[in-house]
PDB file of N, CA and C in Angstrom:
ATOM      1  N   MET A   1      80.521 182.424 113.880  1.00  0.00           N
ATOM      2  CA  MET A   1      80.545 181.238 113.060  1.00  0.00           C
ATOM      3  C   MET A   1      79.270 180.433 113.296  1.00  0.00           C
ATOM      4  N   LYS A   2      78.620 180.073 112.229  1.00  0.00           N
ATOM      5  CA  LYS A   2      77.362 179.346 112.322  1.00  0.00           C
ATOM      6  C   LYS A   2      77.620 177.870 112.625  1.00  0.00           C
ATOM      7  N   ASN A   3      76.834 177.290 113.525  1.00  0.00           N
ATOM      8  CA  ASN A   3      76.968 175.882 113.876  1.00  0.00           C
ATOM      9  C   ASN A   3      76.069 175.053 112.962  1.00  0.00           C
ATOM     10  N   ASP A   4      76.670 174.466 111.918  1.00  0.00           N
ATOM     11  CA  ASP A   4      75.910 173.654 110.968  1.00  0.00           C
ATOM     12  C   ASP A   4      75.708 172.219 111.453  1.00  0.00           C
ATOM     13  N   LEU A   5      76.323 171.861 112.574  1.00  0.00           N
ATOM     14  CA  LEU A   5      76.209 170.492 113.074  1.00  0.00           C
ATOM     15  C   LEU A   5      74.908 170.244 113.824  1.00  0.00           C
ATOM     16  N   LYS A   6      74.193 171.294 114.116  1.00  0.00           N
ATOM     17  CA  LYS A   6      72.956 171.198 114.896  1.00  0.00           C
ATOM     18  C   LYS A   6      73.239 170.426 116.172  1.00  0.00           C
ATOM     19  N   GLY A   7      72.530 169.368 116.456  1.00  0.00           N
ATOM     20  CA  GLY A   7      72.710 168.632 117.704  1.00  0.00           C
ATOM     21  C   GLY A   7      73.845 167.634 117.689  1.00  0.00           C
ATOM     22  N   LEU A   8      74.470 167.397 116.521  1.00  0.00           N
ATOM     23  CA  LEU A   8      75.528 166.402 116.451  1.00  0.00           C
ATOM     24  C   LEU A   8      76.744 166.750 117.301  1.00  0.00           C
ATOM     25  N   SER A   9      76.944 168.004 117.584  1.00  0.00           N
ATOM     26  CA  SER A   9      78.107 168.409 118.370  1.00  0.00           C
ATOM     27  C   SER A   9      77.843 168.370 119.876  1.00  0.00           C
ATOM     28  N   ASN A  10      76.656 167.941 120.268  1.00  0.00           N
ATOM     29  CA  ASN A  10      76.300 167.892 121.686  1.00  0.00           C
ATOM     30  C   ASN A  10      76.454 166.463 122.212  1.00  0.00           C
ATOM     31  N   PRO A  11      77.560 166.167 122.935  1.00  0.00           N
ATOM     32  CA  PRO A  11      77.787 164.804 123.412  1.00  0.00           C
ATOM     33  C   PRO A  11      76.744 164.321 124.413  1.00  0.00           C
ATOM     34  N   LYS A  12      76.012 165.231 125.048  1.00  0.00           N
ATOM     35  CA  LYS A  12      74.988 164.826 126.011  1.00  0.00           C
ATOM     36  C   LYS A  12      73.805 164.147 125.326  1.00  0.00           C
ATOM     37  N   LYS A  13      73.657 164.357 124.010  1.00  0.00           N
ATOM     38  CA  LYS A  13      72.551 163.750 123.275  1.00  0.00           C
ATOM     39  C   LYS A  13      72.873 162.333 122.795  1.00  0.00           C
ATOM     40  N   TYR A  14      74.165 161.950 122.851  1.00  0.00           N
ATOM     41  CA  TYR A  14      74.589 160.672 122.285  1.00  0.00           C
ATOM     42  C   TYR A  14      75.427 159.907 123.297  1.00  0.00           C
ATOM     43  N   HIS A  15      74.771 159.270 124.233  1.00  0.00           N
ATOM     44  CA  HIS A  15      75.504 158.544 125.263  1.00  0.00           C
ATOM     45  C   HIS A  15      75.034 157.099 125.433  1.00  0.00           C
ATOM     46  N   ASN A  16      74.039 156.685 124.687  1.00  0.00           N
ATOM     47  CA  ASN A  16      73.570 155.306 124.788  1.00  0.00           C
ATOM     48  C   ASN A  16      74.507 154.362 124.038  1.00  0.00           C
ATOM     49  N   LEU A  17      74.513 153.105 124.469  1.00  0.00           N
ATOM     50  CA  LEU A  17      75.324 152.105 123.796  1.00  0.00           C
ATOM     51  C   LEU A  17      74.824 151.891 122.368  1.00  0.00           C
ATOM     52  N   ILE A  18      75.741 151.550 121.499  1.00  0.00           N
ATOM     53  CA  ILE A  18      75.395 151.241 120.116  1.00  0.00           C
ATOM     54  C   ILE A  18      75.186 149.735 120.019  1.00  0.00           C
ATOM     55  N   SER A  19      74.097 149.312 119.460  1.00  0.00           N
ATOM     56  CA  SER A  19      73.800 147.895 119.324  1.00  0.00           C
ATOM     57  C   SER A  19      74.293 147.373 117.975  1.00  0.00           C
ATOM     58  N   ILE A  20      74.916 146.192 118.005  1.00  0.00           N
ATOM     59  CA  ILE A  20      75.306 145.551 116.758  1.00  0.00           C
ATOM     60  C   ILE A  20      74.396 144.362 116.443  1.00  0.00           C
ATOM     61  N   ASN A  21      73.287 144.276 117.176  1.00  0.00           N
ATOM     62  CA  ASN A  21      72.303 143.243 116.873  1.00  0.00           C
ATOM     63  C   ASN A  21      71.822 143.413 115.443  1.00  0.00           C
ATOM     64  N   ASN A  22      71.567 142.321 114.781  1.00  0.00           N
ATOM     65  CA  ASN A  22      71.066 142.303 113.407  1.00  0.00           C
ATOM     66  C   ASN A  22      72.070 142.824 112.388  1.00  0.00           C
ATOM     67  N   GLN A  23      73.347 142.941 112.771  1.00  0.00           N
ATOM     68  CA  GLN A  23      74.384 143.335 111.818  1.00  0.00           C
ATOM     69  C   GLN A  23      75.016 142.073 111.240  1.00  0.00           C
ATOM     70  N   ASP A  24      75.457 142.154 110.014  1.00  0.00           N
ATOM     71  CA  ASP A  24      76.103 141.033 109.334  1.00  0.00           C
ATOM     72  C   ASP A  24      77.437 140.735 110.021  1.00  0.00           C
ATOM     73  N   VAL A  25      77.577 139.526 110.559  1.00  0.00           N
ATOM     74  CA  VAL A  25      78.787 139.147 111.283  1.00  0.00           C
ATOM     75  C   VAL A  25      80.001 139.188 110.358  1.00  0.00           C
ATOM     76  N   GLY A  26      79.832 138.800 109.104  1.00  0.00           N
ATOM     77  CA  GLY A  26      80.933 138.838 108.151  1.00  0.00           C
ATOM     78  C   GLY A  26      81.446 140.249 107.927  1.00  0.00           C
ATOM     79  N   VAL A  27      80.536 141.192 107.826  1.00  0.00           N
ATOM     80  CA  VAL A  27      80.920 142.597 107.641  1.00  0.00           C
ATOM     81  C   VAL A  27      81.633 143.111 108.890  1.00  0.00           C
ATOM     82  N   LEU A  28      81.129 142.761 110.064  1.00  0.00           N
ATOM     83  CA  LEU A  28      81.768 143.191 111.306  1.00  0.00           C
ATOM     84  C   LEU A  28      83.185 142.635 111.422  1.00  0.00           C
ATOM     85  N   LYS A  29      83.371 141.372 111.038  1.00  0.00           N
ATOM     86  CA  LYS A  29      84.706 140.758 111.075  1.00  0.00           C
ATOM     87  C   LYS A  29      85.641 141.438 110.078  1.00  0.00           C
ATOM     88  N   LYS A  30      85.114 141.748 108.905  1.00  0.00           N
ATOM     89  CA  LYS A  30      85.915 142.435 107.880  1.00  0.00           C
ATOM     90  C   LYS A  30      86.359 143.808 108.397  1.00  0.00           C
ATOM     91  N   MET A  31      85.457 144.505 109.053  1.00  0.00           N
ATOM     92  CA  MET A  31      85.787 145.820 109.597  1.00  0.00           C
ATOM     93  C   MET A  31      86.827 145.699 110.717  1.00  0.00           C
ATOM     94  N   MET A  32      86.697 144.688 111.560  1.00  0.00           N
ATOM     95  CA  MET A  32      87.666 144.479 112.644  1.00  0.00           C
ATOM     96  C   MET A  32      89.045 144.166 112.071  1.00  0.00           C
ATOM     97  N   ARG A  33      89.096 143.327 111.033  1.00  0.00           N
ATOM     98  CA  ARG A  33      90.387 143.020 110.399  1.00  0.00           C
ATOM     99  C   ARG A  33      91.022 144.289 109.827  1.00  0.00           C
ATOM    100  N   ALA A  34      90.206 145.130 109.204  1.00  0.00           N
ATOM    101  CA  ALA A  34      90.718 146.386 108.640  1.00  0.00           C
ATOM    102  C   ALA A  34      91.266 147.283 109.741  1.00  0.00           C
ATOM    103  N   MET A  35      90.574 147.361 110.874  1.00  0.00           N
ATOM    104  CA  MET A  35      91.053 148.186 111.985  1.00  0.00           C
ATOM    105  C   MET A  35      92.375 147.651 112.528  1.00  0.00           C
ATOM    106  N   LEU A  36      92.479 146.321 112.640  1.00  0.00           N
ATOM    107  CA  LEU A  36      93.725 145.721 113.125  1.00  0.00           C
ATOM    108  C   LEU A  36      94.872 145.956 112.148  1.00  0.00           C
ATOM    109  N   LEU A  37      94.592 145.870 110.847  1.00  0.00           N
ATOM    110  CA  LEU A  37      95.622 146.118 109.835  1.00  0.00           C
ATOM    111  C   LEU A  37      96.128 147.555 109.929  1.00  0.00           C
ATOM    112  N   ILE A  38      95.211 148.490 110.083  1.00  0.00           N
ATOM    113  CA  ILE A  38      95.606 149.898 110.222  1.00  0.00           C
ATOM    114  C   ILE A  38      96.457 150.082 111.476  1.00  0.00           C
ATOM    115  N   ARG A  39      96.034 149.501 112.594  1.00  0.00           N
ATOM    116  CA  ARG A  39      96.781 149.655 113.853  1.00  0.00           C
ATOM    117  C   ARG A  39      98.185 149.072 113.726  1.00  0.00           C
ATOM    118  N   LYS A  40      98.297 147.861 113.158  1.00  0.00           N
ATOM    119  CA  LYS A  40      99.617 147.228 113.013  1.00  0.00           C
ATOM    120  C   LYS A  40     100.514 148.023 112.069  1.00  0.00           C
ATOM    121  N   THR A  41      99.933 148.557 111.015  1.00  0.00           N
ATOM    122  CA  THR A  41     100.701 149.372 110.075  1.00  0.00           C
ATOM    123  C   THR A  41     101.210 150.626 110.768  1.00  0.00           C
ATOM    124  N   GLU A  42     100.371 151.260 111.531  1.00  0.00           N
ATOM    125  CA  GLU A  42     100.787 152.478 112.233  1.00  0.00           C
ATOM    126  C   GLU A  42     101.841 152.186 113.302  1.00  0.00           C
ATOM    127  N   GLN A  43     101.742 151.032 113.931  1.00  0.00           N
ATOM    128  CA  GLN A  43     102.768 150.663 114.903  1.00  0.00           C
ATOM    129  C   GLN A  43     104.120 150.506 114.216  1.00  0.00           C
ATOM    130  N   GLN A  44     104.111 149.925 113.016  1.00  0.00           N
ATOM    131  CA  GLN A  44     105.355 149.768 112.265  1.00  0.00           C
ATOM    132  C   GLN A  44     105.904 151.126 111.814  1.00  0.00           C
ATOM    133  N   LEU A  45     105.005 152.011 111.402  1.00  0.00           N
ATOM    134  CA  LEU A  45     105.436 153.365 111.023  1.00  0.00           C
ATOM    135  C   LEU A  45     106.062 154.082 112.219  1.00  0.00           C
ATOM    136  N   ALA A  46     105.452 153.962 113.382  1.00  0.00           N
ATOM    137  CA  ALA A  46     105.979 154.600 114.593  1.00  0.00           C
ATOM    138  C   ALA A  46     107.354 154.038 114.937  1.00  0.00           C
ATOM    139  N   LEU A  47     107.508 152.731 114.809  1.00  0.00           N
ATOM    140  CA  LEU A  47     108.793 152.095 115.090  1.00  0.00           C
ATOM    141  C   LEU A  47     109.846 152.560 114.078  1.00  0.00           C
ATOM    142  N   GLY A  48     109.444 152.639 112.806  1.00  0.00           N
ATOM    143  CA  GLY A  48     110.363 153.115 111.778  1.00  0.00           C
ATOM    144  C   GLY A  48     110.811 154.543 112.033  1.00  0.00           C
ATOM    145  N   ARG A  49     109.912 155.367 112.501  1.00  0.00           N
ATOM    146  CA  ARG A  49     110.255 156.763 112.819  1.00  0.00           C
ATOM    147  C   ARG A  49     111.175 156.816 114.033  1.00  0.00           C
ATOM    148  N   LYS A  50     110.856 156.023 115.033  1.00  0.00           N
ATOM    149  CA  LYS A  50     111.670 155.996 116.252  1.00  0.00           C
ATOM    150  C   LYS A  50     113.096 155.549 115.950  1.00  0.00           C
ATOM    151  N   ASN A  51     113.223 154.567 115.052  1.00  0.00           N
ATOM    152  CA  ASN A  51     114.539 154.025 114.691  1.00  0.00           C
ATOM    153  C   ASN A  51     115.202 154.817 113.570  1.00  0.00           C
ATOM    154  N   LYS A  52     114.621 155.963 113.221  1.00  0.00           N
ATOM    155  CA  LYS A  52     115.155 156.872 112.205  1.00  0.00           C
ATOM    156  C   LYS A  52     115.222 156.242 110.811  1.00  0.00           C
ATOM    157  N   LEU A  53     114.362 155.271 110.550  1.00  0.00           N
ATOM    158  CA  LEU A  53     114.246 154.705 109.202  1.00  0.00           C
ATOM    159  C   LEU A  53     113.336 155.571 108.343  1.00  0.00           C
ATOM    160  N   ILE A  54     112.500 156.371 109.002  1.00  0.00           N
ATOM    161  CA  ILE A  54     111.582 157.285 108.332  1.00  0.00           C
ATOM    162  C   ILE A  54     111.942 158.688 108.799  1.00  0.00           C
ATOM    163  N   GLY A  55     112.194 159.579 107.841  1.00  0.00           N
ATOM    164  CA  GLY A  55     112.517 160.955 108.183  1.00  0.00           C
ATOM    165  C   GLY A  55     111.272 161.827 108.149  1.00  0.00           C
ATOM    166  N   GLY A  56     111.353 162.939 108.810  1.00  0.00           N
ATOM    167  CA  GLY A  56     110.235 163.871 108.795  1.00  0.00           C
ATOM    168  C   GLY A  56     109.148 163.483 109.767  1.00  0.00           C
ATOM    169  N   PRO A  57     108.096 164.289 109.791  1.00  0.00           N
ATOM    170  CA  PRO A  57     107.005 164.013 110.735  1.00  0.00           C
ATOM    171  C   PRO A  57     106.151 162.825 110.296  1.00  0.00           C
ATOM    172  N   VAL A  58     105.647 162.114 111.260  1.00  0.00           N
ATOM    173  CA  VAL A  58     104.736 160.989 111.012  1.00  0.00           C
ATOM    174  C   VAL A  58     103.489 161.238 111.847  1.00  0.00           C
ATOM    175  N   HIS A  59     102.348 161.353 111.192  1.00  0.00           N
ATOM    176  CA  HIS A  59     101.094 161.570 111.914  1.00  0.00           C
ATOM    177  C   HIS A  59     100.397 160.232 112.069  1.00  0.00           C
ATOM    178  N   LEU A  60     100.188 159.803 113.296  1.00  0.00           N
ATOM    179  CA  LEU A  60      99.546 158.521 113.573  1.00  0.00           C
ATOM    180  C   LEU A  60      98.128 158.752 114.077  1.00  0.00           C
ATOM    181  N   GLY A  61      97.264 157.837 113.745  1.00  0.00           N
ATOM    182  CA  GLY A  61      95.876 157.939 114.169  1.00  0.00           C
ATOM    183  C   GLY A  61      95.475 156.781 115.063  1.00  0.00           C
ATOM    184  N   ALA A  62      96.408 156.302 115.892  1.00  0.00           N
ATOM    185  CA  ALA A  62      96.110 155.186 116.785  1.00  0.00           C
ATOM    186  C   ALA A  62      94.901 155.520 117.653  1.00  0.00           C
ATOM    187  N   GLY A  63      93.951 154.620 117.689  1.00  0.00           N
ATOM    188  CA  GLY A  63      92.735 154.837 118.444  1.00  0.00           C
ATOM    189  C   GLY A  63      91.619 155.433 117.605  1.00  0.00           C
ATOM    190  N   GLN A  64      91.933 155.758 116.361  1.00  0.00           N
ATOM    191  CA  GLN A  64      90.936 156.364 115.481  1.00  0.00           C
ATOM    192  C   GLN A  64      90.662 155.483 114.251  1.00  0.00           C
ATOM    193  N   GLU A  65      91.073 154.233 114.320  1.00  0.00           N
ATOM    194  CA  GLU A  65      90.928 153.326 113.189  1.00  0.00           C
ATOM    195  C   GLU A  65      89.468 153.125 112.783  1.00  0.00           C
ATOM    196  N   ALA A  66      88.586 153.100 113.749  1.00  0.00           N
ATOM    197  CA  ALA A  66      87.166 152.863 113.453  1.00  0.00           C
ATOM    198  C   ALA A  66      86.591 153.960 112.572  1.00  0.00           C
ATOM    199  N   ILE A  67      87.096 155.164 112.724  1.00  0.00           N
ATOM    200  CA  ILE A  67      86.606 156.277 111.908  1.00  0.00           C
ATOM    201  C   ILE A  67      86.932 156.026 110.448  1.00  0.00           C
ATOM    202  N   ALA A  68      88.196 155.690 110.170  1.00  0.00           N
ATOM    203  CA  ALA A  68      88.617 155.427 108.790  1.00  0.00           C
ATOM    204  C   ALA A  68      87.863 154.252 108.190  1.00  0.00           C
ATOM    205  N   VAL A  69      87.706 153.194 108.966  1.00  0.00           N
ATOM    206  CA  VAL A  69      87.018 152.004 108.465  1.00  0.00           C
ATOM    207  C   VAL A  69      85.536 152.292 108.251  1.00  0.00           C
ATOM    208  N   GLY A  70      84.914 152.972 109.186  1.00  0.00           N
ATOM    209  CA  GLY A  70      83.495 153.284 109.046  1.00  0.00           C
ATOM    210  C   GLY A  70      83.200 154.164 107.852  1.00  0.00           C
ATOM    211  N   ILE A  71      84.038 155.166 107.642  1.00  0.00           N
ATOM    212  CA  ILE A  71      83.847 156.040 106.483  1.00  0.00           C
ATOM    213  C   ILE A  71      84.080 155.260 105.200  1.00  0.00           C
ATOM    214  N   SER A  72      85.176 154.501 105.155  1.00  0.00           N
ATOM    215  CA  SER A  72      85.495 153.733 103.954  1.00  0.00           C
ATOM    216  C   SER A  72      84.393 152.733 103.606  1.00  0.00           C
ATOM    217  N   GLN A  73      83.806 152.140 104.626  1.00  0.00           N
ATOM    218  CA  GLN A  73      82.747 151.158 104.434  1.00  0.00           C
ATOM    219  C   GLN A  73      81.527 151.769 103.754  1.00  0.00           C
ATOM    220  N   ASN A  74      81.342 153.057 103.914  1.00  0.00           N
ATOM    221  CA  ASN A  74      80.147 153.713 103.396  1.00  0.00           C
ATOM    222  C   ASN A  74      80.389 154.607 102.181  1.00  0.00           C
ATOM    223  N   LEU A  75      81.620 154.600 101.657  1.00  0.00           N
ATOM    224  CA  LEU A  75      81.885 155.389 100.454  1.00  0.00           C
ATOM    225  C   LEU A  75      81.269 154.732  99.223  1.00  0.00           C
ATOM    226  N   LYS A  76      80.883 155.560  98.293  1.00  0.00           N
ATOM    227  CA  LYS A  76      80.360 155.083  97.017  1.00  0.00           C
ATOM    228  C   LYS A  76      81.334 155.492  95.918  1.00  0.00           C
ATOM    229  N   LYS A  77      81.277 154.870  94.773  1.00  0.00           N
ATOM    230  CA  LYS A  77      82.162 155.226  93.676  1.00  0.00           C
ATOM    231  C   LYS A  77      81.986 156.659  93.241  1.00  0.00           C
ATOM    232  N   THR A  78      80.838 157.240  93.503  1.00  0.00           N
ATOM    233  CA  THR A  78      80.572 158.625  93.109  1.00  0.00           C
ATOM    234  C   THR A  78      81.114 159.648  94.090  1.00  0.00           C
ATOM    235  N   ASP A  79      81.588 159.184  95.258  1.00  0.00           N
ATOM    236  CA  ASP A  79      82.120 160.106  96.272  1.00  0.00           C
ATOM    237  C   ASP A  79      83.507 160.598  95.873  1.00  0.00           C
TER     238      ASP A  79
END
């Protein structure tokens, strides 16, 4: 299988802190609110599943909210 990720799959190349200097504070707050909304929603889904209000499997992404928000933030209408 060919590795199309090149160096992106090598965690040793990406270990420095990410700087948020010069980022729009309003955008950062909006992203944080979105992450919190996702986390709270997933907590409610987990509780609903635990209390048998939701049947079937429930896939939760707790701890992965930033991925969804980051991708969503960069989508275009053409995507």
